[in-house]
Structures are given as structure tokens and as C-alpha cells.
Amino acid sequence: MLPVARIIVAVVVIAAFCCGEVAHGVESWNAFRGPDGNGIAASDTNLPLEWSQTKNVDWLVYCVSDDGIAICVEADSGEVVYRNRLGGNFSASPLLSGNRLYFTNEARVTTVVRSGREFEVLAESDLGERTLASFAVVDSSLLIRTANALYRISQ
């Protein structure tokens, strides 16, 4: 297939994908705004009434340097919790989902790290092609754009 034809096919596939997601998002917009669609949560949801590092949130900030150093710092003090080398060069921002951090380097390797005060690598995966883009999340799916494709990963 000629390079121009590949680009056209990719644009058509991406456009179809995006249009389907936009339509889905419009239909379920009220679900994101609470049970009455007014942005107010139901009173029986057991939401926390106060935020505290000791009660419900550990205020940590995660980032990765261009040269592959994963860094975790305390949000209030800026104190470094850990600094570990992932390897490779990075353009993409890390993604936090649940208790997992996803770091993808330019050479196509994604490293999954458990969030928290201890650096623990849970998995590594080779995407098979170069990527510079940050991950995106749609519903419960992960979107990954590589040099030649757009992937959607879900259960």
C-alpha cells in the first residue's frame, strides 16, 4: 500500500472511531453529572466530608524526566519520596489509573508501576512501535497512539 493510501486509511479509521466515541459521550453525559444530572451527588453515597492525607488521600505527585527518571514527591512539601530510573527517553506524560502508573518511553516500552511510596514495577510491555503521545482514557478503555496506529485496550 502506498504511504498516502495508508494515511488516508488511518484518517478514516480514526475519524470513525472518534465520531463513535463522541456520540457515546453525548448520550451518557448526565451519568457523569450525578443521578439527577445537576452535578450534585446523592446524599447516600458516603462521600468524604473532609480530605486528609491520613484519612483518605496520600497526596503524591508523579512525573518522569525526559531521560527516564520516575520521580515521586510529596505534594505539600516537595520532598522526594523516590527517584528511580525507568530507562529510555520520555515525551509522554505518565498516566495514573487506579493504583497503577503507566510510563511509556519513546522507544515503545510501557512500564507499569504501583502507585504509592515504594517504587514497584508491576509489568513491562513492548508496544512494537515508537510512541511519543500520552495515553488517554475513555470510559474503562486505554487509548494508545503510536507512530502508525491508534489502539484501544479494554477488558
N, C-alpha and C. Protein backbone atom coordinates (compact mmCIF):
# COMPACT_ATOMS: atom_id res chain seq x y z
N MET A 1 0.85 -1.17 0.00
CA MET A 1 0.00 0.00 0.00
C MET A 1 0.89 1.23 0.00
N LEU A 2 0.57 2.23 -0.79
CA LEU A 2 1.33 3.47 -0.86
C LEU A 2 1.21 4.25 0.44
N PRO A 3 2.25 5.03 0.80
CA PRO A 3 2.20 5.79 2.04
C PRO A 3 0.99 6.73 2.12
N VAL A 4 0.63 7.37 1.02
CA VAL A 4 -0.53 8.27 1.03
C VAL A 4 -1.81 7.49 1.31
N ALA A 5 -1.94 6.31 0.72
CA ALA A 5 -3.12 5.48 0.95
C ALA A 5 -3.20 5.06 2.41
N ARG A 6 -2.07 4.74 3.02
CA ARG A 6 -2.06 4.37 4.44
C ARG A 6 -2.54 5.53 5.30
N ILE A 7 -2.10 6.73 4.99
CA ILE A 7 -2.51 7.91 5.76
C ILE A 7 -4.02 8.11 5.63
N ILE A 8 -4.55 7.97 4.42
CA ILE A 8 -5.99 8.14 4.21
C ILE A 8 -6.77 7.09 4.99
N VAL A 9 -6.33 5.84 4.94
CA VAL A 9 -7.00 4.77 5.70
C VAL A 9 -6.94 5.08 7.19
N ALA A 10 -5.79 5.52 7.68
CA ALA A 10 -5.64 5.84 9.10
C ALA A 10 -6.57 6.97 9.51
N VAL A 11 -6.68 8.01 8.68
CA VAL A 11 -7.55 9.14 8.99
C VAL A 11 -9.00 8.70 9.03
N VAL A 12 -9.42 7.86 8.09
CA VAL A 12 -10.80 7.38 8.06
C VAL A 12 -11.09 6.54 9.31
N VAL A 13 -10.17 5.66 9.68
CA VAL A 13 -10.37 4.81 10.86
C VAL A 13 -10.44 5.67 12.12
N ILE A 14 -9.53 6.62 12.25
CA ILE A 14 -9.53 7.49 13.43
C ILE A 14 -10.80 8.33 13.47
N ALA A 15 -11.23 8.87 12.35
CA ALA A 15 -12.46 9.67 12.31
C ALA A 15 -13.66 8.84 12.72
N ALA A 16 -13.76 7.63 12.21
CA ALA A 16 -14.89 6.76 12.58
C ALA A 16 -14.85 6.43 14.06
N PHE A 17 -13.67 6.17 14.56
CA PHE A 17 -13.50 5.86 15.98
C PHE A 17 -13.93 7.05 16.84
N CYS A 18 -13.43 8.24 16.50
CA CYS A 18 -13.73 9.43 17.28
C CYS A 18 -15.22 9.79 17.22
N CYS A 19 -15.83 9.68 16.08
CA CYS A 19 -17.26 10.00 15.96
C CYS A 19 -18.10 9.06 16.81
N GLY A 20 -17.73 7.81 16.84
CA GLY A 20 -18.46 6.86 17.68
C GLY A 20 -18.33 7.19 19.15
N GLU A 21 -17.14 7.62 19.58
CA GLU A 21 -16.93 7.95 20.99
C GLU A 21 -17.65 9.24 21.36
N VAL A 22 -17.65 10.23 20.47
CA VAL A 22 -18.34 11.48 20.77
C VAL A 22 -19.82 11.22 20.93
N ALA A 23 -20.39 10.43 20.04
CA ALA A 23 -21.81 10.13 20.13
C ALA A 23 -22.12 9.40 21.43
N HIS A 24 -21.26 8.47 21.82
CA HIS A 24 -21.48 7.74 23.07
C HIS A 24 -21.41 8.69 24.26
N GLY A 25 -20.44 9.61 24.25
CA GLY A 25 -20.29 10.55 25.35
C GLY A 25 -21.50 11.46 25.49
N VAL A 26 -22.08 11.92 24.39
CA VAL A 26 -23.23 12.81 24.44
C VAL A 26 -24.42 12.10 25.06
N GLU A 27 -24.65 10.85 24.69
CA GLU A 27 -25.80 10.10 25.21
C GLU A 27 -25.71 9.90 26.72
N SER A 28 -24.51 9.71 27.24
CA SER A 28 -24.38 9.39 28.66
C SER A 28 -23.87 10.56 29.50
N TRP A 29 -23.99 11.78 28.99
CA TRP A 29 -23.45 12.94 29.70
C TRP A 29 -24.06 13.08 31.09
N ASN A 30 -25.37 12.92 31.24
CA ASN A 30 -25.98 13.09 32.55
C ASN A 30 -25.46 12.10 33.58
N ALA A 31 -25.03 10.93 33.15
CA ALA A 31 -24.49 9.95 34.09
C ALA A 31 -23.23 10.47 34.78
N PHE A 32 -22.50 11.37 34.13
CA PHE A 32 -21.29 11.93 34.72
C PHE A 32 -21.62 13.07 35.69
N ARG A 33 -22.85 13.55 35.68
CA ARG A 33 -23.23 14.71 36.47
C ARG A 33 -24.09 14.35 37.66
N GLY A 34 -24.11 13.09 38.06
CA GLY A 34 -24.90 12.68 39.22
C GLY A 34 -26.24 12.11 38.81
N PRO A 35 -26.98 11.57 39.75
CA PRO A 35 -28.22 10.87 39.43
C PRO A 35 -29.31 11.77 38.86
N ASP A 36 -29.29 13.05 39.21
CA ASP A 36 -30.31 13.97 38.69
C ASP A 36 -29.79 14.83 37.54
N GLY A 37 -28.55 14.61 37.12
CA GLY A 37 -27.99 15.37 36.01
C GLY A 37 -27.66 16.81 36.37
N ASN A 38 -27.57 17.14 37.67
CA ASN A 38 -27.34 18.52 38.07
C ASN A 38 -25.96 18.74 38.71
N GLY A 39 -25.12 17.74 38.70
CA GLY A 39 -23.78 17.87 39.27
C GLY A 39 -23.73 17.67 40.77
N ILE A 40 -24.83 17.29 41.38
CA ILE A 40 -24.89 17.08 42.82
C ILE A 40 -25.00 15.59 43.10
N ALA A 41 -24.10 15.07 43.94
CA ALA A 41 -24.11 13.64 44.26
C ALA A 41 -25.28 13.33 45.18
N ALA A 42 -25.75 12.11 45.10
CA ALA A 42 -26.82 11.66 46.00
C ALA A 42 -26.31 11.68 47.44
N SER A 43 -27.18 11.93 48.38
CA SER A 43 -26.77 12.07 49.78
C SER A 43 -26.35 10.74 50.41
N ASP A 44 -26.70 9.64 49.80
CA ASP A 44 -26.38 8.34 50.39
C ASP A 44 -25.12 7.70 49.80
N THR A 45 -24.23 8.49 49.21
CA THR A 45 -23.06 7.94 48.54
C THR A 45 -21.85 7.80 49.44
N ASN A 46 -21.93 8.22 50.71
CA ASN A 46 -20.81 8.11 51.64
C ASN A 46 -19.56 8.85 51.17
N LEU A 47 -19.73 10.01 50.58
CA LEU A 47 -18.58 10.80 50.15
C LEU A 47 -17.85 11.35 51.36
N PRO A 48 -16.51 11.48 51.28
CA PRO A 48 -15.78 12.05 52.42
C PRO A 48 -16.19 13.50 52.64
N LEU A 49 -16.30 13.92 53.88
CA LEU A 49 -16.65 15.29 54.20
C LEU A 49 -15.42 16.17 54.36
N GLU A 50 -14.25 15.56 54.53
CA GLU A 50 -13.01 16.29 54.61
C GLU A 50 -11.90 15.46 53.97
N TRP A 51 -10.90 16.16 53.44
CA TRP A 51 -9.78 15.48 52.81
C TRP A 51 -8.58 15.54 53.73
N SER A 52 -7.91 14.43 53.88
CA SER A 52 -6.77 14.35 54.77
C SER A 52 -5.80 13.30 54.26
N GLN A 53 -4.51 13.58 54.38
CA GLN A 53 -3.50 12.60 53.97
C GLN A 53 -3.59 11.35 54.83
N THR A 54 -4.02 11.47 56.05
CA THR A 54 -4.07 10.31 56.92
C THR A 54 -5.38 9.55 56.80
N LYS A 55 -6.45 10.21 56.34
CA LYS A 55 -7.75 9.54 56.28
C LYS A 55 -8.06 8.91 54.93
N ASN A 56 -7.87 9.64 53.83
CA ASN A 56 -8.35 9.09 52.57
C ASN A 56 -7.48 9.37 51.35
N VAL A 57 -6.50 10.23 51.43
CA VAL A 57 -5.70 10.54 50.25
C VAL A 57 -4.23 10.69 50.66
N ASP A 58 -3.34 10.06 49.91
CA ASP A 58 -1.91 10.27 50.09
C ASP A 58 -1.50 11.22 48.97
N TRP A 59 -1.26 12.46 49.27
CA TRP A 59 -1.01 13.50 48.27
C TRP A 59 0.39 13.37 47.70
N LEU A 60 0.52 12.57 46.65
CA LEU A 60 1.79 12.36 45.98
C LEU A 60 1.68 12.85 44.54
N VAL A 61 2.78 13.36 44.02
CA VAL A 61 2.85 13.81 42.63
C VAL A 61 3.86 12.92 41.92
N TYR A 62 3.48 12.40 40.74
CA TYR A 62 4.35 11.52 39.96
C TYR A 62 4.71 12.22 38.65
N CYS A 63 5.95 12.04 38.23
CA CYS A 63 6.37 12.57 36.93
C CYS A 63 7.55 11.73 36.43
N VAL A 64 7.92 11.99 35.19
CA VAL A 64 9.08 11.31 34.62
C VAL A 64 9.90 12.35 33.87
N SER A 65 11.20 12.29 34.03
CA SER A 65 12.07 13.23 33.33
C SER A 65 12.26 12.77 31.89
N ASP A 66 12.72 13.69 31.04
CA ASP A 66 12.96 13.36 29.64
C ASP A 66 13.93 12.19 29.48
N ASP A 67 14.86 12.05 30.43
CA ASP A 67 15.86 10.99 30.32
C ASP A 67 15.50 9.74 31.13
N GLY A 68 14.21 9.59 31.52
CA GLY A 68 13.73 8.33 32.06
C GLY A 68 13.83 8.11 33.56
N ILE A 69 13.80 9.18 34.35
CA ILE A 69 13.82 9.03 35.80
C ILE A 69 12.39 9.23 36.31
N ALA A 70 11.82 8.19 36.93
CA ALA A 70 10.49 8.30 37.55
C ALA A 70 10.69 8.95 38.92
N ILE A 71 9.88 9.98 39.18
CA ILE A 71 10.04 10.74 40.41
C ILE A 71 8.69 10.82 41.11
N CYS A 72 8.70 10.61 42.41
CA CYS A 72 7.51 10.75 43.25
C CYS A 72 7.87 11.75 44.35
N VAL A 73 7.04 12.80 44.50
CA VAL A 73 7.27 13.79 45.55
C VAL A 73 6.00 14.01 46.35
N GLU A 74 6.17 14.44 47.59
CA GLU A 74 5.03 14.81 48.41
C GLU A 74 4.51 16.15 47.92
N ALA A 75 3.20 16.24 47.70
CA ALA A 75 2.61 17.44 47.13
C ALA A 75 2.76 18.66 48.03
N ASP A 76 2.62 18.50 49.34
CA ASP A 76 2.64 19.67 50.22
C ASP A 76 4.05 20.17 50.52
N SER A 77 5.03 19.29 50.62
CA SER A 77 6.38 19.71 50.99
C SER A 77 7.36 19.72 49.82
N GLY A 78 7.06 18.97 48.77
CA GLY A 78 8.00 18.84 47.66
C GLY A 78 9.13 17.86 47.95
N GLU A 79 9.06 17.20 49.10
CA GLU A 79 10.09 16.24 49.47
C GLU A 79 10.05 15.03 48.53
N VAL A 80 11.22 14.61 48.06
CA VAL A 80 11.30 13.47 47.14
C VAL A 80 11.06 12.19 47.92
N VAL A 81 10.07 11.40 47.45
CA VAL A 81 9.76 10.11 48.06
C VAL A 81 10.64 9.04 47.44
N TYR A 82 10.71 9.04 46.11
CA TYR A 82 11.64 8.15 45.41
C TYR A 82 12.01 8.74 44.07
N ARG A 83 13.12 8.23 43.56
CA ARG A 83 13.64 8.62 42.25
C ARG A 83 14.29 7.37 41.68
N ASN A 84 13.69 6.80 40.62
CA ASN A 84 14.20 5.55 40.05
C ASN A 84 14.28 5.65 38.54
N ARG A 85 15.30 5.00 37.99
CA ARG A 85 15.48 5.00 36.54
C ARG A 85 14.57 3.97 35.89
N LEU A 86 13.81 4.43 34.88
CA LEU A 86 12.98 3.52 34.08
C LEU A 86 13.73 3.08 32.84
N GLY A 87 14.56 3.93 32.30
CA GLY A 87 15.30 3.63 31.08
C GLY A 87 14.62 4.22 29.87
N GLY A 88 15.40 4.68 28.94
CA GLY A 88 14.87 5.27 27.72
C GLY A 88 14.64 6.76 27.86
N ASN A 89 14.16 7.37 26.79
CA ASN A 89 13.81 8.78 26.77
C ASN A 89 12.29 8.90 26.73
N PHE A 90 11.77 9.95 27.37
CA PHE A 90 10.32 10.10 27.50
C PHE A 90 9.83 11.43 26.96
N SER A 91 8.73 11.38 26.21
CA SER A 91 7.99 12.56 25.79
C SER A 91 6.59 12.54 26.38
N ALA A 92 6.03 11.34 26.54
CA ALA A 92 4.66 11.18 27.03
C ALA A 92 4.59 11.39 28.53
N SER A 93 3.46 11.94 28.98
CA SER A 93 3.21 12.09 30.41
C SER A 93 2.77 10.75 30.98
N PRO A 94 3.08 10.49 32.25
CA PRO A 94 2.58 9.25 32.86
C PRO A 94 1.08 9.33 33.07
N LEU A 95 0.45 8.18 33.18
CA LEU A 95 -0.99 8.10 33.44
C LEU A 95 -1.19 7.34 34.73
N LEU A 96 -2.01 7.88 35.63
CA LEU A 96 -2.37 7.19 36.86
C LEU A 96 -3.79 6.68 36.69
N SER A 97 -3.97 5.38 36.86
CA SER A 97 -5.29 4.77 36.79
C SER A 97 -5.39 3.75 37.92
N GLY A 98 -6.32 3.98 38.84
CA GLY A 98 -6.41 3.11 40.00
C GLY A 98 -5.13 3.22 40.81
N ASN A 99 -4.50 2.10 41.05
CA ASN A 99 -3.23 2.12 41.79
C ASN A 99 -2.05 1.83 40.87
N ARG A 100 -2.22 2.13 39.58
CA ARG A 100 -1.16 1.86 38.61
C ARG A 100 -0.75 3.13 37.86
N LEU A 101 0.55 3.27 37.66
CA LEU A 101 1.11 4.35 36.85
C LEU A 101 1.65 3.73 35.57
N TYR A 102 1.33 4.35 34.44
CA TYR A 102 1.79 3.86 33.14
C TYR A 102 2.78 4.88 32.57
N PHE A 103 4.01 4.44 32.34
CA PHE A 103 5.06 5.26 31.76
C PHE A 103 5.44 4.64 30.41
N THR A 104 5.37 5.39 29.32
CA THR A 104 5.75 4.86 28.01
C THR A 104 6.90 5.68 27.46
N ASN A 105 8.00 5.00 27.13
CA ASN A 105 9.15 5.72 26.59
C ASN A 105 9.05 5.82 25.07
N GLU A 106 9.92 6.64 24.49
CA GLU A 106 9.88 6.89 23.05
C GLU A 106 10.24 5.66 22.24
N ALA A 107 10.94 4.72 22.85
CA ALA A 107 11.37 3.51 22.15
C ALA A 107 10.31 2.42 22.18
N ARG A 108 9.10 2.72 22.72
CA ARG A 108 7.92 1.86 22.66
C ARG A 108 7.66 0.98 23.88
N VAL A 109 8.44 1.10 24.93
CA VAL A 109 8.25 0.25 26.10
C VAL A 109 7.39 0.97 27.15
N THR A 110 6.33 0.30 27.60
CA THR A 110 5.49 0.82 28.68
C THR A 110 5.84 0.08 29.96
N THR A 111 6.13 0.84 31.01
CA THR A 111 6.42 0.28 32.33
C THR A 111 5.26 0.63 33.24
N VAL A 112 4.71 -0.37 33.92
CA VAL A 112 3.61 -0.17 34.85
C VAL A 112 4.18 -0.25 36.26
N VAL A 113 3.91 0.80 37.06
CA VAL A 113 4.44 0.90 38.41
C VAL A 113 3.27 1.06 39.38
N ARG A 114 3.35 0.41 40.53
CA ARG A 114 2.31 0.57 41.55
C ARG A 114 2.44 1.97 42.16
N SER A 115 1.32 2.67 42.30
CA SER A 115 1.36 3.98 42.94
C SER A 115 1.61 3.80 44.44
N GLY A 116 2.17 4.80 45.06
CA GLY A 116 2.46 4.73 46.49
C GLY A 116 3.88 5.17 46.77
N ARG A 117 4.29 5.00 47.99
CA ARG A 117 5.58 5.49 48.45
C ARG A 117 6.76 4.57 48.11
N GLU A 118 6.48 3.35 47.71
CA GLU A 118 7.53 2.41 47.32
C GLU A 118 7.50 2.22 45.81
N PHE A 119 8.66 2.25 45.18
CA PHE A 119 8.76 2.03 43.75
C PHE A 119 8.70 0.54 43.48
N GLU A 120 7.65 0.09 42.78
CA GLU A 120 7.49 -1.32 42.47
C GLU A 120 7.00 -1.47 41.03
N VAL A 121 7.84 -2.07 40.18
CA VAL A 121 7.45 -2.32 38.79
C VAL A 121 6.54 -3.55 38.76
N LEU A 122 5.35 -3.38 38.20
CA LEU A 122 4.39 -4.47 38.09
C LEU A 122 4.50 -5.20 36.75
N ALA A 123 4.83 -4.47 35.68
CA ALA A 123 4.90 -5.09 34.36
C ALA A 123 5.64 -4.17 33.40
N GLU A 124 6.12 -4.77 32.32
CA GLU A 124 6.67 -4.03 31.19
C GLU A 124 6.12 -4.64 29.93
N SER A 125 5.85 -3.78 28.95
CA SER A 125 5.27 -4.26 27.69
C SER A 125 5.84 -3.46 26.54
N ASP A 126 6.22 -4.16 25.48
CA ASP A 126 6.75 -3.52 24.28
C ASP A 126 5.60 -3.32 23.29
N LEU A 127 5.31 -2.06 22.96
CA LEU A 127 4.21 -1.74 22.05
C LEU A 127 4.51 -2.11 20.60
N GLY A 128 5.76 -2.37 20.30
CA GLY A 128 6.11 -2.79 18.94
C GLY A 128 6.38 -1.66 17.97
N GLU A 129 6.10 -0.42 18.37
CA GLU A 129 6.43 0.72 17.52
C GLU A 129 6.57 1.97 18.38
N ARG A 130 7.28 2.92 17.84
CA ARG A 130 7.60 4.15 18.57
C ARG A 130 6.34 4.93 18.94
N THR A 131 6.37 5.53 20.13
CA THR A 131 5.26 6.40 20.54
C THR A 131 5.79 7.60 21.31
N LEU A 132 5.23 8.76 21.03
CA LEU A 132 5.57 9.99 21.73
C LEU A 132 4.37 10.55 22.48
N ALA A 133 3.19 10.02 22.19
CA ALA A 133 1.94 10.56 22.74
C ALA A 133 1.64 10.00 24.12
N SER A 134 0.97 10.83 24.94
CA SER A 134 0.49 10.39 26.25
C SER A 134 -0.74 9.52 26.06
N PHE A 135 -0.95 8.60 26.99
CA PHE A 135 -2.15 7.76 26.97
C PHE A 135 -3.38 8.63 27.22
N ALA A 136 -4.52 8.13 26.79
CA ALA A 136 -5.80 8.76 27.08
C ALA A 136 -6.75 7.69 27.58
N VAL A 137 -7.75 8.10 28.35
CA VAL A 137 -8.72 7.16 28.90
C VAL A 137 -10.11 7.54 28.41
N VAL A 138 -10.85 6.55 27.92
CA VAL A 138 -12.24 6.71 27.53
C VAL A 138 -13.02 5.61 28.22
N ASP A 139 -13.98 6.00 29.06
CA ASP A 139 -14.72 5.03 29.87
C ASP A 139 -13.71 4.16 30.61
N SER A 140 -13.71 2.86 30.39
CA SER A 140 -12.75 1.98 31.06
C SER A 140 -11.69 1.48 30.08
N SER A 141 -11.50 2.20 28.99
CA SER A 141 -10.52 1.80 27.98
C SER A 141 -9.32 2.73 27.97
N LEU A 142 -8.20 2.20 27.55
CA LEU A 142 -6.96 2.95 27.42
C LEU A 142 -6.70 3.16 25.93
N LEU A 143 -6.46 4.41 25.53
CA LEU A 143 -6.13 4.72 24.13
C LEU A 143 -4.64 4.98 24.03
N ILE A 144 -4.01 4.34 23.05
CA ILE A 144 -2.58 4.50 22.83
C ILE A 144 -2.35 4.83 21.37
N ARG A 145 -1.69 5.98 21.13
CA ARG A 145 -1.36 6.36 19.75
C ARG A 145 0.13 6.14 19.55
N THR A 146 0.47 5.28 18.60
CA THR A 146 1.86 5.02 18.27
C THR A 146 2.17 5.74 16.96
N ALA A 147 3.34 5.50 16.43
CA ALA A 147 3.73 6.15 15.18
C ALA A 147 2.83 5.75 14.02
N ASN A 148 2.25 4.53 14.06
CA ASN A 148 1.49 4.04 12.92
C ASN A 148 0.06 3.62 13.22
N ALA A 149 -0.38 3.71 14.48
CA ALA A 149 -1.70 3.17 14.79
C ALA A 149 -2.29 3.83 16.03
N LEU A 150 -3.58 3.63 16.21
CA LEU A 150 -4.28 4.03 17.42
C LEU A 150 -4.90 2.76 18.00
N TYR A 151 -4.56 2.45 19.25
CA TYR A 151 -5.05 1.23 19.89
C TYR A 151 -6.02 1.58 21.00
N ARG A 152 -7.02 0.74 21.18
CA ARG A 152 -7.93 0.86 22.31
C ARG A 152 -7.87 -0.46 23.07
N ILE A 153 -7.49 -0.39 24.34
CA ILE A 153 -7.35 -1.59 25.16
C ILE A 153 -8.39 -1.53 26.25
N SER A 154 -9.17 -2.60 26.34
CA SER A 154 -10.19 -2.68 27.39
C SER A 154 -10.42 -4.13 27.75
N GLN A 155 -11.13 -4.33 28.87
CA GLN A 155 -11.40 -5.70 29.31
C GLN A 155 -12.65 -6.21 28.67
